[in-house]
Amino acid sequence: MDQIRAFFDEVPLGLAVIASLTLGLAPFVPEPHIWEKLKMARAGTLRKPIDIFDLALHAAPFILLIGKLLFLAFPA
């Protein structure tokens, strides 16, 4: 757990926010890609490995941001 906390402590909050807004939401038109993949998951059509991998890549910045915010909210 200490290694995970150390990782999130090293990541600047601004970087996590910018990554979420750019990499997490790109491409922006016609709708954010992560939103499309989440809709596919809800509909049960997220079956291709490339779509699952794409969802993981677009979700990674948001997971980083949520982890950073959680460790900021609950310091050791």
PDB file of N, CA and C in Angstrom:
ATOM      1  N   MET A   1       0.829  -1.196   0.000  1.00  0.00           N
ATOM      2  CA  MET A   1       0.000   0.000   0.000  1.00  0.00           C
ATOM      3  C   MET A   1       0.871   1.257   0.000  1.00  0.00           C
ATOM      4  N   ASP A   2       2.038   1.165   0.635  1.00  0.00           N
ATOM      5  CA  ASP A   2       2.936   2.322   0.670  1.00  0.00           C
ATOM      6  C   ASP A   2       3.467   2.662  -0.716  1.00  0.00           C
ATOM      7  N   GLN A   3       3.692   1.652  -1.548  1.00  0.00           N
ATOM      8  CA  GLN A   3       4.168   1.906  -2.911  1.00  0.00           C
ATOM      9  C   GLN A   3       3.096   2.576  -3.749  1.00  0.00           C
ATOM     10  N   ILE A   4       1.862   2.185  -3.545  1.00  0.00           N
ATOM     11  CA  ILE A   4       0.757   2.802  -4.282  1.00  0.00           C
ATOM     12  C   ILE A   4       0.609   4.256  -3.859  1.00  0.00           C
ATOM     13  N   ARG A   5       0.656   4.503  -2.563  1.00  0.00           N
ATOM     14  CA  ARG A   5       0.561   5.873  -2.056  1.00  0.00           C
ATOM     15  C   ARG A   5       1.716   6.713  -2.581  1.00  0.00           C
ATOM     16  N   ALA A   6       2.921   6.152  -2.605  1.00  0.00           N
ATOM     17  CA  ALA A   6       4.088   6.885  -3.106  1.00  0.00           C
ATOM     18  C   ALA A   6       3.907   7.236  -4.580  1.00  0.00           C
ATOM     19  N   PHE A   7       3.352   6.313  -5.351  1.00  0.00           N
ATOM     20  CA  PHE A   7       3.103   6.583  -6.763  1.00  0.00           C
ATOM     21  C   PHE A   7       2.144   7.754  -6.932  1.00  0.00           C
ATOM     22  N   PHE A   8       1.024   7.720  -6.221  1.00  0.00           N
ATOM     23  CA  PHE A   8       0.041   8.790  -6.355  1.00  0.00           C
ATOM     24  C   PHE A   8       0.552  10.109  -5.782  1.00  0.00           C
ATOM     25  N   ASP A   9       1.420  10.055  -4.792  1.00  0.00           N
ATOM     26  CA  ASP A   9       2.011  11.280  -4.249  1.00  0.00           C
ATOM     27  C   ASP A   9       2.946  11.940  -5.251  1.00  0.00           C
ATOM     28  N   GLU A  10       3.599  11.150  -6.095  1.00  0.00           N
ATOM     29  CA  GLU A  10       4.545  11.697  -7.068  1.00  0.00           C
ATOM     30  C   GLU A  10       3.849  12.335  -8.271  1.00  0.00           C
ATOM     31  N   VAL A  11       2.630  11.943  -8.545  1.00  0.00           N
ATOM     32  CA  VAL A  11       1.913  12.475  -9.710  1.00  0.00           C
ATOM     33  C   VAL A  11       1.328  13.840  -9.346  1.00  0.00           C
ATOM     34  N   PRO A  12       1.685  14.881 -10.111  1.00  0.00           N
ATOM     35  CA  PRO A  12       1.094  16.202  -9.847  1.00  0.00           C
ATOM     36  C   PRO A  12      -0.408  16.199 -10.159  1.00  0.00           C
ATOM     37  N   LEU A  13      -1.170  16.883  -9.332  1.00  0.00           N
ATOM     38  CA  LEU A  13      -2.620  16.933  -9.520  1.00  0.00           C
ATOM     39  C   LEU A  13      -2.971  17.568 -10.860  1.00  0.00           C
ATOM     40  N   GLY A  14      -2.268  18.620 -11.231  1.00  0.00           N
ATOM     41  CA  GLY A  14      -2.528  19.286 -12.516  1.00  0.00           C
ATOM     42  C   GLY A  14      -2.348  18.354 -13.698  1.00  0.00           C
ATOM     43  N   LEU A  15      -1.334  17.517 -13.642  1.00  0.00           N
ATOM     44  CA  LEU A  15      -1.097  16.558 -14.717  1.00  0.00           C
ATOM     45  C   LEU A  15      -2.246  15.565 -14.815  1.00  0.00           C
ATOM     46  N   ALA A  16      -2.746  15.096 -13.686  1.00  0.00           N
ATOM     47  CA  ALA A  16      -3.863  14.150 -13.689  1.00  0.00           C
ATOM     48  C   ALA A  16      -5.127  14.797 -14.261  1.00  0.00           C
ATOM     49  N   VAL A  17      -5.354  16.055 -13.937  1.00  0.00           N
ATOM     50  CA  VAL A  17      -6.531  16.765 -14.457  1.00  0.00           C
ATOM     51  C   VAL A  17      -6.411  16.975 -15.965  1.00  0.00           C
ATOM     52  N   ILE A  18      -5.242  17.435 -16.412  1.00  0.00           N
ATOM     53  CA  ILE A  18      -5.041  17.675 -17.844  1.00  0.00           C
ATOM     54  C   ILE A  18      -5.133  16.373 -18.631  1.00  0.00           C
ATOM     55  N   ALA A  19      -4.557  15.302 -18.096  1.00  0.00           N
ATOM     56  CA  ALA A  19      -4.631  14.007 -18.785  1.00  0.00           C
ATOM     57  C   ALA A  19      -6.074  13.537 -18.892  1.00  0.00           C
ATOM     58  N   SER A  20      -6.852  13.739 -17.842  1.00  0.00           N
ATOM     59  CA  SER A  20      -8.254  13.321 -17.877  1.00  0.00           C
ATOM     60  C   SER A  20      -9.051  14.115 -18.904  1.00  0.00           C
ATOM     61  N   LEU A  21      -8.794  15.413 -18.967  1.00  0.00           N
ATOM     62  CA  LEU A  21      -9.550  16.260 -19.885  1.00  0.00           C
ATOM     63  C   LEU A  21      -9.131  16.088 -21.339  1.00  0.00           C
ATOM     64  N   THR A  22      -7.886  15.713 -21.579  1.00  0.00           N
ATOM     65  CA  THR A  22      -7.431  15.574 -22.964  1.00  0.00           C
ATOM     66  C   THR A  22      -7.439  14.111 -23.403  1.00  0.00           C
ATOM     67  N   LEU A  23      -6.601  13.301 -22.798  1.00  0.00           N
ATOM     68  CA  LEU A  23      -6.489  11.896 -23.209  1.00  0.00           C
ATOM     69  C   LEU A  23      -7.736  11.098 -22.864  1.00  0.00           C
ATOM     70  N   GLY A  24      -8.332  11.406 -21.723  1.00  0.00           N
ATOM     71  CA  GLY A  24      -9.504  10.652 -21.298  1.00  0.00           C
ATOM     72  C   GLY A  24     -10.734  10.914 -22.138  1.00  0.00           C
ATOM     73  N   LEU A  25     -10.866  12.139 -22.633  1.00  0.00           N
ATOM     74  CA  LEU A  25     -12.069  12.501 -23.384  1.00  0.00           C
ATOM     75  C   LEU A  25     -11.880  12.508 -24.897  1.00  0.00           C
ATOM     76  N   ALA A  26     -10.643  12.409 -25.376  1.00  0.00           N
ATOM     77  CA  ALA A  26     -10.385  12.480 -26.815  1.00  0.00           C
ATOM     78  C   ALA A  26     -10.922  11.236 -27.517  1.00  0.00           C
ATOM     79  N   PRO A  27     -11.334  11.290 -28.739  1.00  0.00           N
ATOM     80  CA  PRO A  27     -11.666  12.479 -29.520  1.00  0.00           C
ATOM     81  C   PRO A  27     -12.981  13.087 -29.031  1.00  0.00           C
ATOM     82  N   PHE A  28     -13.104  14.363 -29.194  1.00  0.00           N
ATOM     83  CA  PHE A  28     -14.230  15.088 -28.617  1.00  0.00           C
ATOM     84  C   PHE A  28     -15.485  15.086 -29.500  1.00  0.00           C
ATOM     85  N   VAL A  29     -15.305  14.891 -30.795  1.00  0.00           N
ATOM     86  CA  VAL A  29     -16.421  14.975 -31.735  1.00  0.00           C
ATOM     87  C   VAL A  29     -16.638  13.605 -32.356  1.00  0.00           C
ATOM     88  N   PRO A  30     -17.790  13.067 -32.485  1.00  0.00           N
ATOM     89  CA  PRO A  30     -19.093  13.625 -32.140  1.00  0.00           C
ATOM     90  C   PRO A  30     -19.425  13.511 -30.651  1.00  0.00           C
ATOM     91  N   GLU A  31     -18.762  12.602 -29.923  1.00  0.00           N
ATOM     92  CA  GLU A  31     -18.923  12.510 -28.478  1.00  0.00           C
ATOM     93  C   GLU A  31     -17.629  11.938 -27.914  1.00  0.00           C
ATOM     94  N   PRO A  32     -17.347  12.201 -26.638  1.00  0.00           N
ATOM     95  CA  PRO A  32     -16.120  11.631 -26.069  1.00  0.00           C
ATOM     96  C   PRO A  32     -16.085  10.110 -26.226  1.00  0.00           C
ATOM     97  N   HIS A  33     -14.907   9.611 -26.574  1.00  0.00           N
ATOM     98  CA  HIS A  33     -14.747   8.197 -26.884  1.00  0.00           C
ATOM     99  C   HIS A  33     -15.069   7.317 -25.678  1.00  0.00           C
ATOM    100  N   ILE A  34     -14.689   7.768 -24.503  1.00  0.00           N
ATOM    101  CA  ILE A  34     -14.959   6.959 -23.308  1.00  0.00           C
ATOM    102  C   ILE A  34     -16.462   6.846 -23.073  1.00  0.00           C
ATOM    103  N   TRP A  35     -17.188   7.900 -23.387  1.00  0.00           N
ATOM    104  CA  TRP A  35     -18.638   7.865 -23.226  1.00  0.00           C
ATOM    105  C   TRP A  35     -19.252   6.831 -24.172  1.00  0.00           C
ATOM    106  N   GLU A  36     -18.742   6.795 -25.398  1.00  0.00           N
ATOM    107  CA  GLU A  36     -19.221   5.806 -26.369  1.00  0.00           C
ATOM    108  C   GLU A  36     -18.943   4.380 -25.868  1.00  0.00           C
ATOM    109  N   LYS A  37     -17.750   4.155 -25.326  1.00  0.00           N
ATOM    110  CA  LYS A  37     -17.398   2.814 -24.841  1.00  0.00           C
ATOM    111  C   LYS A  37     -18.217   2.440 -23.609  1.00  0.00           C
ATOM    112  N   LEU A  38     -18.506   3.398 -22.742  1.00  0.00           N
ATOM    113  CA  LEU A  38     -19.338   3.127 -21.569  1.00  0.00           C
ATOM    114  C   LEU A  38     -20.763   2.785 -21.988  1.00  0.00           C
ATOM    115  N   LYS A  39     -21.267   3.464 -23.019  1.00  0.00           N
ATOM    116  CA  LYS A  39     -22.593   3.128 -23.535  1.00  0.00           C
ATOM    117  C   LYS A  39     -22.595   1.729 -24.128  1.00  0.00           C
ATOM    118  N   MET A  40     -21.507   1.367 -24.815  1.00  0.00           N
ATOM    119  CA  MET A  40     -21.402   0.024 -25.366  1.00  0.00           C
ATOM    120  C   MET A  40     -21.386  -1.021 -24.247  1.00  0.00           C
ATOM    121  N   ALA A  41     -20.670  -0.731 -23.171  1.00  0.00           N
ATOM    122  CA  ALA A  41     -20.600  -1.665 -22.039  1.00  0.00           C
ATOM    123  C   ALA A  41     -21.977  -1.842 -21.413  1.00  0.00           C
ATOM    124  N   ARG A  42     -22.697  -0.742 -21.276  1.00  0.00           N
ATOM    125  CA  ARG A  42     -24.034  -0.822 -20.687  1.00  0.00           C
ATOM    126  C   ARG A  42     -25.000  -1.604 -21.585  1.00  0.00           C
ATOM    127  N   ALA A  43     -24.846  -1.442 -22.904  1.00  0.00           N
ATOM    128  CA  ALA A  43     -25.718  -2.139 -23.849  1.00  0.00           C
ATOM    129  C   ALA A  43     -25.311  -3.594 -24.043  1.00  0.00           C
ATOM    130  N   GLY A  44     -24.116  -3.948 -23.566  1.00  0.00           N
ATOM    131  CA  GLY A  44     -23.651  -5.318 -23.712  1.00  0.00           C
ATOM    132  C   GLY A  44     -22.971  -5.598 -25.044  1.00  0.00           C
ATOM    133  N   THR A  45     -22.590  -4.545 -25.756  1.00  0.00           N
ATOM    134  CA  THR A  45     -21.946  -4.734 -27.057  1.00  0.00           C
ATOM    135  C   THR A  45     -20.438  -4.521 -26.999  1.00  0.00           C
ATOM    136  N   LEU A  46     -19.889  -4.344 -25.828  1.00  0.00           N
ATOM    137  CA  LEU A  46     -18.440  -4.152 -25.664  1.00  0.00           C
ATOM    138  C   LEU A  46     -17.795  -5.529 -25.559  1.00  0.00           C
ATOM    139  N   ARG A  47     -17.565  -6.150 -26.706  1.00  0.00           N
ATOM    140  CA  ARG A  47     -17.078  -7.535 -26.712  1.00  0.00           C
ATOM    141  C   ARG A  47     -15.722  -7.694 -27.396  1.00  0.00           C
ATOM    142  N   LYS A  48     -15.423  -6.837 -28.349  1.00  0.00           N
ATOM    143  CA  LYS A  48     -14.164  -6.964 -29.083  1.00  0.00           C
ATOM    144  C   LYS A  48     -12.995  -6.577 -28.165  1.00  0.00           C
ATOM    145  N   PRO A  49     -11.902  -7.322 -28.233  1.00  0.00           N
ATOM    146  CA  PRO A  49     -10.739  -6.983 -27.402  1.00  0.00           C
ATOM    147  C   PRO A  49     -10.232  -5.560 -27.635  1.00  0.00           C
ATOM    148  N   ILE A  50     -10.291  -5.075 -28.871  1.00  0.00           N
ATOM    149  CA  ILE A  50      -9.812  -3.725 -29.156  1.00  0.00           C
ATOM    150  C   ILE A  50     -10.684  -2.682 -28.456  1.00  0.00           C
ATOM    151  N   ASP A  51     -11.983  -2.927 -28.366  1.00  0.00           N
ATOM    152  CA  ASP A  51     -12.880  -1.995 -27.680  1.00  0.00           C
ATOM    153  C   ASP A  51     -12.618  -2.001 -26.177  1.00  0.00           C
ATOM    154  N   ILE A  52     -12.368  -3.170 -25.620  1.00  0.00           N
ATOM    155  CA  ILE A  52     -12.070  -3.267 -24.186  1.00  0.00           C
ATOM    156  C   ILE A  52     -10.744  -2.575 -23.888  1.00  0.00           C
ATOM    157  N   PHE A  53      -9.749  -2.798 -24.733  1.00  0.00           N
ATOM    158  CA  PHE A  53      -8.451  -2.142 -24.578  1.00  0.00           C
ATOM    159  C   PHE A  53      -8.602  -0.629 -24.707  1.00  0.00           C
ATOM    160  N   ASP A  54      -9.402  -0.181 -25.649  1.00  0.00           N
ATOM    161  CA  ASP A  54      -9.647   1.247 -25.859  1.00  0.00           C
ATOM    162  C   ASP A  54     -10.325   1.864 -24.633  1.00  0.00           C
ATOM    163  N   LEU A  55     -11.277   1.170 -24.064  1.00  0.00           N
ATOM    164  CA  LEU A  55     -11.923   1.646 -22.836  1.00  0.00           C
ATOM    165  C   LEU A  55     -10.909   1.768 -21.711  1.00  0.00           C
ATOM    166  N   ALA A  56     -10.041   0.773 -21.569  1.00  0.00           N
ATOM    167  CA  ALA A  56      -9.019   0.809 -20.512  1.00  0.00           C
ATOM    168  C   ALA A  56      -8.070   1.990 -20.705  1.00  0.00           C
ATOM    169  N   LEU A  57      -7.673   2.249 -21.947  1.00  0.00           N
ATOM    170  CA  LEU A  57      -6.761   3.362 -22.203  1.00  0.00           C
ATOM    171  C   LEU A  57      -7.408   4.713 -21.916  1.00  0.00           C
ATOM    172  N   HIS A  58      -8.662   4.868 -22.296  1.00  0.00           N
ATOM    173  CA  HIS A  58      -9.337   6.142 -22.054  1.00  0.00           C
ATOM    174  C   HIS A  58      -9.749   6.298 -20.583  1.00  0.00           C
ATOM    175  N   ALA A  59      -9.909   5.205 -19.869  1.00  0.00           N
ATOM    176  CA  ALA A  59     -10.278   5.277 -18.455  1.00  0.00           C
ATOM    177  C   ALA A  59      -9.070   5.494 -17.551  1.00  0.00           C
ATOM    178  N   ALA A  60      -7.877   5.160 -18.010  1.00  0.00           N
ATOM    179  CA  ALA A  60      -6.674   5.252 -17.177  1.00  0.00           C
ATOM    180  C   ALA A  60      -6.442   6.644 -16.581  1.00  0.00           C
ATOM    181  N   PRO A  61      -6.574   7.742 -17.349  1.00  0.00           N
ATOM    182  CA  PRO A  61      -6.377   9.055 -16.734  1.00  0.00           C
ATOM    183  C   PRO A  61      -7.405   9.361 -15.636  1.00  0.00           C
ATOM    184  N   PHE A  62      -8.632   8.889 -15.822  1.00  0.00           N
ATOM    185  CA  PHE A  62      -9.658   9.120 -14.803  1.00  0.00           C
ATOM    186  C   PHE A  62      -9.367   8.306 -13.543  1.00  0.00           C
ATOM    187  N   ILE A  63      -8.875   7.087 -13.719  1.00  0.00           N
ATOM    188  CA  ILE A  63      -8.501   6.255 -12.568  1.00  0.00           C
ATOM    189  C   ILE A  63      -7.346   6.911 -11.819  1.00  0.00           C
ATOM    190  N   LEU A  64      -6.389   7.455 -12.566  1.00  0.00           N
ATOM    191  CA  LEU A  64      -5.273   8.173 -11.952  1.00  0.00           C
ATOM    192  C   LEU A  64      -5.769   9.381 -11.161  1.00  0.00           C
ATOM    193  N   LEU A  65      -6.663  10.148 -11.746  1.00  0.00           N
ATOM    194  CA  LEU A  65      -7.199  11.336 -11.072  1.00  0.00           C
ATOM    195  C   LEU A  65      -7.994  10.959  -9.833  1.00  0.00           C
ATOM    196  N   ILE A  66      -8.827   9.955  -9.918  1.00  0.00           N
ATOM    197  CA  ILE A  66      -9.618   9.523  -8.756  1.00  0.00           C
ATOM    198  C   ILE A  66      -8.705   9.017  -7.647  1.00  0.00           C
ATOM    199  N   GLY A  67      -7.692   8.235  -8.009  1.00  0.00           N
ATOM    200  CA  GLY A  67      -6.738   7.763  -7.006  1.00  0.00           C
ATOM    201  C   GLY A  67      -6.004   8.905  -6.343  1.00  0.00           C
ATOM    202  N   LYS A  68      -5.558   9.865  -7.133  1.00  0.00           N
ATOM    203  CA  LYS A  68      -4.856  11.039  -6.596  1.00  0.00           C
ATOM    204  C   LYS A  68      -5.758  11.803  -5.636  1.00  0.00           C
ATOM    205  N   LEU A  69      -7.003  12.029  -6.027  1.00  0.00           N
ATOM    206  CA  LEU A  69      -7.934  12.772  -5.165  1.00  0.00           C
ATOM    207  C   LEU A  69      -8.251  11.999  -3.888  1.00  0.00           C
ATOM    208  N   LEU A  70      -8.371  10.691  -3.975  1.00  0.00           N
ATOM    209  CA  LEU A  70      -8.630   9.897  -2.774  1.00  0.00           C
ATOM    210  C   LEU A  70      -7.463   9.959  -1.788  1.00  0.00           C
ATOM    211  N   PHE A  71      -6.243   9.863  -2.308  1.00  0.00           N
ATOM    212  CA  PHE A  71      -5.083   9.927  -1.421  1.00  0.00           C
ATOM    213  C   PHE A  71      -4.874  11.330  -0.874  1.00  0.00           C
ATOM    214  N   LEU A  72      -5.332  12.358  -1.598  1.00  0.00           N
ATOM    215  CA  LEU A  72      -5.282  13.714  -1.051  1.00  0.00           C
ATOM    216  C   LEU A  72      -6.340  13.905   0.029  1.00  0.00           C
ATOM    217  N   ALA A  73      -7.496  13.297  -0.158  1.00  0.00           N
ATOM    218  CA  ALA A  73      -8.591  13.447   0.800  1.00  0.00           C
ATOM    219  C   ALA A  73      -8.353  12.663   2.081  1.00  0.00           C
ATOM    220  N   PHE A  74      -7.646  11.536   1.965  1.00  0.00           N
ATOM    221  CA  PHE A  74      -7.392  10.684   3.128  1.00  0.00           C
ATOM    222  C   PHE A  74      -5.891  10.472   3.305  1.00  0.00           C
ATOM    223  N   PRO A  75      -5.194  11.484   3.818  1.00  0.00           N
ATOM    224  CA  PRO A  75      -3.736  11.346   3.993  1.00  0.00           C
ATOM    225  C   PRO A  75      -3.400  10.311   5.068  1.00  0.00           C
ATOM    226  N   ALA A  76      -2.197   9.791   4.954  1.00  0.00           N
ATOM    227  CA  ALA A  76      -1.765   8.741   5.900  1.00  0.00           C
ATOM    228  C   ALA A  76      -1.517   9.296   7.277  1.00  0.00           C
TER     229      ALA A  76
END
